[in-house]
Amino acid sequence: MKRVLLLGSGYVSGPVVEYLTRDERTQVTVASVLLKQAEELAAKYPNTIPIMLDASSQEGHLDSLVKDHDLVISMLPYSFHPLIAKHCIRRKVNMVTASYLSPAMTELQSR
């Protein structure tokens, strides 16, 4: 089973989870600072696990989650992406965002 970590549970996250869970071989972990919101989203789709994560203050937990997944999708604000990317680079896990390339992300390009 492929494991996808989705960071964020806002409005745009619903279609992402719906699309990913079309494949029954994909498990999605929805991580959000708002556990109730993640739970409500996960309840709508199979193979979806809600968890609470504050990426800015729980870096150890973030790193552990990244390590245990095959892909990270960040739907968090762009300012979080460099932090998340550093963990993905260290763990050699691919990362996808919906944001434009910021200067901070450009600096990580060679890594």
C-alpha atoms as a PDB file:
ATOM      1  CA  MET A   1       0.000   0.000   0.000  1.00  0.00           C
ATOM      2  CA  LYS A   2       1.260   3.482  -0.864  1.00  0.00           C
ATOM      3  CA  ARG A   3       1.151   5.935   2.023  1.00  0.00           C
ATOM      4  CA  VAL A   4       0.520   9.640   1.404  1.00  0.00           C
ATOM      5  CA  LEU A   5       0.849  12.318   4.078  1.00  0.00           C
ATOM      6  CA  LEU A   6      -1.462  15.250   3.408  1.00  0.00           C
ATOM      7  CA  LEU A   7      -0.611  18.305   5.490  1.00  0.00           C
ATOM      8  CA  GLY A   8      -3.681  20.472   5.949  1.00  0.00           C
ATOM      9  CA  SER A   9      -7.399  19.765   6.028  1.00  0.00           C
ATOM     10  CA  GLY A  10      -8.897  22.916   4.516  1.00  0.00           C
ATOM     11  CA  TYR A  11     -11.278  23.229   1.581  1.00  0.00           C
ATOM     12  CA  VAL A  12      -8.770  22.235  -1.089  1.00  0.00           C
ATOM     13  CA  SER A  13      -7.765  19.089   0.803  1.00  0.00           C
ATOM     14  CA  GLY A  14     -11.118  17.365   0.232  1.00  0.00           C
ATOM     15  CA  PRO A  15     -10.691  16.944  -3.527  1.00  0.00           C
ATOM     16  CA  VAL A  16      -7.109  15.767  -2.977  1.00  0.00           C
ATOM     17  CA  VAL A  17      -8.245  13.017  -0.596  1.00  0.00           C
ATOM     18  CA  GLU A  18     -11.143  12.061  -2.866  1.00  0.00           C
ATOM     19  CA  TYR A  19      -8.795  11.683  -5.833  1.00  0.00           C
ATOM     20  CA  LEU A  20      -6.109   9.746  -3.958  1.00  0.00           C
ATOM     21  CA  THR A  21      -8.527   7.299  -2.341  1.00  0.00           C
ATOM     22  CA  ARG A  22      -9.971   6.270  -5.696  1.00  0.00           C
ATOM     23  CA  ASP A  23      -7.084   3.801  -5.680  1.00  0.00           C
ATOM     24  CA  GLU A  24      -7.760   1.326  -2.882  1.00  0.00           C
ATOM     25  CA  ARG A  25      -4.004   0.694  -2.634  1.00  0.00           C
ATOM     26  CA  THR A  26      -3.446   4.238  -1.348  1.00  0.00           C
ATOM     27  CA  GLN A  27      -3.691   5.213   2.307  1.00  0.00           C
ATOM     28  CA  VAL A  28      -3.909   8.915   3.149  1.00  0.00           C
ATOM     29  CA  THR A  29      -2.926  10.393   6.494  1.00  0.00           C
ATOM     30  CA  VAL A  30      -4.573  13.792   6.935  1.00  0.00           C
ATOM     31  CA  ALA A  31      -2.517  15.865   9.371  1.00  0.00           C
ATOM     32  CA  SER A  32      -3.975  19.098  10.671  1.00  0.00           C
ATOM     33  CA  VAL A  33      -3.614  21.439  13.598  1.00  0.00           C
ATOM     34  CA  LEU A  34      -7.426  21.145  13.786  1.00  0.00           C
ATOM     35  CA  LEU A  35      -8.015  17.478  14.646  1.00  0.00           C
ATOM     36  CA  LYS A  36     -11.802  17.748  14.363  1.00  0.00           C
ATOM     37  CA  GLN A  37     -11.481  19.090  10.816  1.00  0.00           C
ATOM     38  CA  ALA A  38      -9.117  16.239   9.877  1.00  0.00           C
ATOM     39  CA  GLU A  39     -11.506  13.705  11.416  1.00  0.00           C
ATOM     40  CA  GLU A  40     -14.477  15.101   9.487  1.00  0.00           C
ATOM     41  CA  LEU A  41     -12.530  14.920   6.231  1.00  0.00           C
ATOM     42  CA  ALA A  42     -11.213  11.408   6.901  1.00  0.00           C
ATOM     43  CA  ALA A  43     -14.691  10.121   7.770  1.00  0.00           C
ATOM     44  CA  LYS A  44     -15.810  10.749   4.185  1.00  0.00           C
ATOM     45  CA  TYR A  45     -13.214   8.531   2.493  1.00  0.00           C
ATOM     46  CA  PRO A  46     -11.811   5.000   2.841  1.00  0.00           C
ATOM     47  CA  ASN A  47      -8.194   4.345   3.832  1.00  0.00           C
ATOM     48  CA  THR A  48      -7.911   7.791   5.439  1.00  0.00           C
ATOM     49  CA  ILE A  49      -6.416   8.426   8.872  1.00  0.00           C
ATOM     50  CA  PRO A  50      -6.798  11.766  10.704  1.00  0.00           C
ATOM     51  CA  ILE A  51      -4.078  13.011  13.036  1.00  0.00           C
ATOM     52  CA  MET A  52      -3.268  16.236  14.849  1.00  0.00           C
ATOM     53  CA  LEU A  53      -0.024  17.963  13.883  1.00  0.00           C
ATOM     54  CA  ASP A  54       1.272  21.464  14.430  1.00  0.00           C
ATOM     55  CA  ALA A  55       4.150  21.442  11.953  1.00  0.00           C
ATOM     56  CA  SER A  56       5.735  24.571  13.417  1.00  0.00           C
ATOM     57  CA  SER A  57       6.013  23.264  16.980  1.00  0.00           C
ATOM     58  CA  GLN A  58       6.133  19.471  16.520  1.00  0.00           C
ATOM     59  CA  GLU A  59       9.091  18.988  14.201  1.00  0.00           C
ATOM     60  CA  GLY A  60       9.950  15.608  15.705  1.00  0.00           C
ATOM     61  CA  HIS A  61       6.445  14.360  14.988  1.00  0.00           C
ATOM     62  CA  LEU A  62       6.574  15.876  11.491  1.00  0.00           C
ATOM     63  CA  ASP A  63       9.875  14.121  10.790  1.00  0.00           C
ATOM     64  CA  SER A  64       8.503  10.791  12.002  1.00  0.00           C
ATOM     65  CA  LEU A  65       5.450  11.154   9.767  1.00  0.00           C
ATOM     66  CA  VAL A  66       7.528  12.076   6.723  1.00  0.00           C
ATOM     67  CA  LYS A  67       9.755   9.045   7.309  1.00  0.00           C
ATOM     68  CA  ASP A  68       6.729   6.719   7.382  1.00  0.00           C
ATOM     69  CA  HIS A  69       5.154   7.914   4.109  1.00  0.00           C
ATOM     70  CA  ASP A  70       5.948   7.553   0.412  1.00  0.00           C
ATOM     71  CA  LEU A  71       4.790  11.048  -0.562  1.00  0.00           C
ATOM     72  CA  VAL A  72       4.090  14.320   1.264  1.00  0.00           C
ATOM     73  CA  ILE A  73       1.525  16.788  -0.065  1.00  0.00           C
ATOM     74  CA  SER A  74       1.517  20.147   1.657  1.00  0.00           C
ATOM     75  CA  MET A  75      -1.623  22.223   1.507  1.00  0.00           C
ATOM     76  CA  LEU A  76      -0.296  24.440   4.297  1.00  0.00           C
ATOM     77  CA  PRO A  77       0.592  28.110   3.748  1.00  0.00           C
ATOM     78  CA  TYR A  78       3.716  28.566   1.618  1.00  0.00           C
ATOM     79  CA  SER A  79       5.739  29.780   4.588  1.00  0.00           C
ATOM     80  CA  PHE A  80       5.741  26.209   5.984  1.00  0.00           C
ATOM     81  CA  HIS A  81       7.064  24.602   2.802  1.00  0.00           C
ATOM     82  CA  PRO A  82      10.812  25.120   3.411  1.00  0.00           C
ATOM     83  CA  LEU A  83      10.508  23.457   6.835  1.00  0.00           C
ATOM     84  CA  ILE A  84       8.601  20.521   5.384  1.00  0.00           C
ATOM     85  CA  ALA A  85      10.948  20.277   2.387  1.00  0.00           C
ATOM     86  CA  LYS A  86      13.990  19.992   4.659  1.00  0.00           C
ATOM     87  CA  HIS A  87      12.453  16.957   6.365  1.00  0.00           C
ATOM     88  CA  CYS A  88      11.494  15.444   3.011  1.00  0.00           C
ATOM     89  CA  ILE A  89      15.007  15.969   1.642  1.00  0.00           C
ATOM     90  CA  ARG A  90      16.594  14.372   4.696  1.00  0.00           C
ATOM     91  CA  ARG A  91      14.217  11.399   4.528  1.00  0.00           C
ATOM     92  CA  LYS A  92      14.347  11.175   0.705  1.00  0.00           C
ATOM     93  CA  VAL A  93      10.572  11.469   0.385  1.00  0.00           C
ATOM     94  CA  ASN A  94       8.994  13.305  -2.534  1.00  0.00           C
ATOM     95  CA  MET A  95       6.982  16.437  -1.746  1.00  0.00           C
ATOM     96  CA  VAL A  96       4.216  18.177  -3.684  1.00  0.00           C
ATOM     97  CA  THR A  97       2.766  21.630  -3.029  1.00  0.00           C
ATOM     98  CA  ALA A  98       0.256  23.844  -4.771  1.00  0.00           C
ATOM     99  CA  SER A  99       2.403  26.939  -4.290  1.00  0.00           C
ATOM    100  CA  TYR A 100       4.685  28.883  -6.525  1.00  0.00           C
ATOM    101  CA  LEU A 101       8.410  28.453  -6.001  1.00  0.00           C
ATOM    102  CA  SER A 102       9.485  30.874  -3.281  1.00  0.00           C
ATOM    103  CA  PRO A 103      13.064  32.126  -2.798  1.00  0.00           C
ATOM    104  CA  ALA A 104      13.369  29.919   0.312  1.00  0.00           C
ATOM    105  CA  MET A 105      12.354  26.846  -1.688  1.00  0.00           C
ATOM    106  CA  THR A 106      14.668  27.804  -4.550  1.00  0.00           C
ATOM    107  CA  GLU A 107      17.589  27.728  -2.094  1.00  0.00           C
ATOM    108  CA  LEU A 108      16.785  24.058  -1.397  1.00  0.00           C
ATOM    109  CA  GLN A 109      16.730  23.114  -5.087  1.00  0.00           C
ATOM    110  CA  SER A 110      20.248  21.647  -5.190  1.00  0.00           C
ATOM    111  CA  ARG A 111      19.591  19.515  -2.100  1.00  0.00           C
END
